[in-house]
Amino acid sequence: MCNTQSLNQGLKAIRDKIIEIIQYYDNNKYDLNIFEKEYTSWEGSWNTFTSTLREYQSCESPPEHKIKLGNQLQCVKDKTQVLLK
């Protein structure tokens, strides 16, 4: 079994960094309107990924779980790139 506390700390650290980026650009309402759609899309993919990751906490996940999780992580990466543009 994976260490749940370490997993949660790692996920929180990643999410905190994304929030830092958002806060950097949170100078006015105009900035927020520019990337609100991208952030909402990113947040949805992030929530899906973290939910699945917590569901598959076992270190001995079958290959289909790893593939699903990998695909969801790729989606988060892609949406992060869009958010940062």
Protein backbone atom coordinates (compact mmCIF):
# COMPACT_ATOMS: atom_id res chain seq x y z
CA MET A 1 0.00 0.00 0.00
CA CYS A 2 1.27 3.49 -0.82
CA ASN A 3 1.63 6.06 1.90
CA THR A 4 -1.62 8.06 1.79
CA GLN A 5 -0.14 10.97 3.71
CA SER A 6 2.73 11.32 1.22
CA LEU A 7 0.29 11.10 -1.68
CA ASN A 8 -1.93 13.82 -0.25
CA GLN A 9 1.07 16.06 0.50
CA GLY A 10 2.37 15.65 -3.04
CA LEU A 11 -1.00 16.41 -4.60
CA LYS A 12 -1.44 19.46 -2.36
CA ALA A 13 2.01 20.76 -3.33
CA ILE A 14 1.20 20.51 -7.04
CA ARG A 15 -2.18 22.19 -6.63
CA ASP A 16 -0.64 24.94 -4.48
CA LYS A 17 1.83 25.76 -7.27
CA ILE A 18 -0.98 26.11 -9.78
CA ILE A 19 -2.84 28.39 -7.34
CA GLU A 20 0.34 30.50 -7.03
CA ILE A 21 0.34 30.95 -10.80
CA ILE A 22 -3.31 31.99 -10.74
CA GLN A 23 -2.68 34.45 -7.90
CA TYR A 24 0.24 35.97 -9.81
CA TYR A 25 -2.10 36.87 -12.64
CA ASP A 26 -4.98 37.79 -10.34
CA ASN A 27 -4.33 41.50 -10.66
CA ASN A 28 -7.76 42.44 -11.86
CA LYS A 29 -11.05 41.03 -13.10
CA TYR A 30 -9.91 41.31 -16.71
CA ASP A 31 -7.02 38.90 -16.13
CA LEU A 32 -9.31 36.37 -14.48
CA ASN A 33 -11.78 36.53 -17.36
CA ILE A 34 -8.99 35.81 -19.83
CA PHE A 35 -8.15 32.39 -18.45
CA GLU A 36 -11.26 31.41 -16.49
CA LYS A 37 -12.32 28.86 -19.13
CA GLU A 38 -8.85 27.28 -19.22
CA TYR A 39 -8.62 27.17 -15.43
CA THR A 40 -12.06 25.56 -15.11
CA SER A 41 -11.05 22.96 -17.69
CA TRP A 42 -7.75 22.33 -15.88
CA GLU A 43 -9.49 22.04 -12.53
CA GLY A 44 -11.89 19.43 -13.89
CA SER A 45 -9.06 17.30 -15.25
CA TRP A 46 -7.12 17.73 -12.00
CA ASN A 47 -10.09 16.63 -9.90
CA THR A 48 -10.64 13.58 -12.12
CA PHE A 49 -6.95 12.63 -11.90
CA THR A 50 -6.70 13.03 -8.12
CA SER A 51 -9.95 11.16 -7.56
CA THR A 52 -8.72 8.22 -9.64
CA LEU A 53 -5.30 8.34 -7.98
CA ARG A 54 -6.86 8.09 -4.54
CA GLU A 55 -9.10 5.29 -5.75
CA TYR A 56 -6.05 3.35 -6.97
CA GLN A 57 -3.84 3.97 -3.92
CA SER A 58 -2.56 0.41 -3.96
CA CYS A 59 0.98 0.22 -5.30
CA GLU A 60 0.02 -3.06 -6.99
CA SER A 61 -2.45 -1.63 -9.48
CA PRO A 62 -3.35 -3.73 -12.51
CA PRO A 63 -2.12 -2.47 -15.90
CA GLU A 64 -5.52 -1.08 -16.93
CA HIS A 65 -5.57 1.15 -13.83
CA LYS A 66 -2.08 2.44 -14.64
CA ILE A 67 -3.11 3.17 -18.23
CA LYS A 68 -6.25 5.04 -17.12
CA LEU A 69 -4.27 7.03 -14.57
CA GLY A 70 -1.55 7.79 -17.12
CA ASN A 71 -4.13 9.05 -19.61
CA GLN A 72 -5.68 11.28 -16.96
CA LEU A 73 -2.27 12.63 -15.97
CA GLN A 74 -1.53 13.42 -19.61
CA CYS A 75 -4.82 15.32 -19.77
CA VAL A 76 -3.75 17.37 -16.71
CA LYS A 77 -0.38 18.08 -18.36
CA ASP A 78 -2.03 19.16 -21.61
CA LYS A 79 -4.50 21.43 -19.82
CA THR A 80 -1.67 22.87 -17.70
CA GLN A 81 0.17 23.83 -20.90
CA VAL A 82 -2.99 25.53 -22.21
CA LEU A 83 -3.50 27.34 -18.89
CA LEU A 84 0.06 28.64 -18.87
CA LYS A 85 -0.07 30.03 -22.44
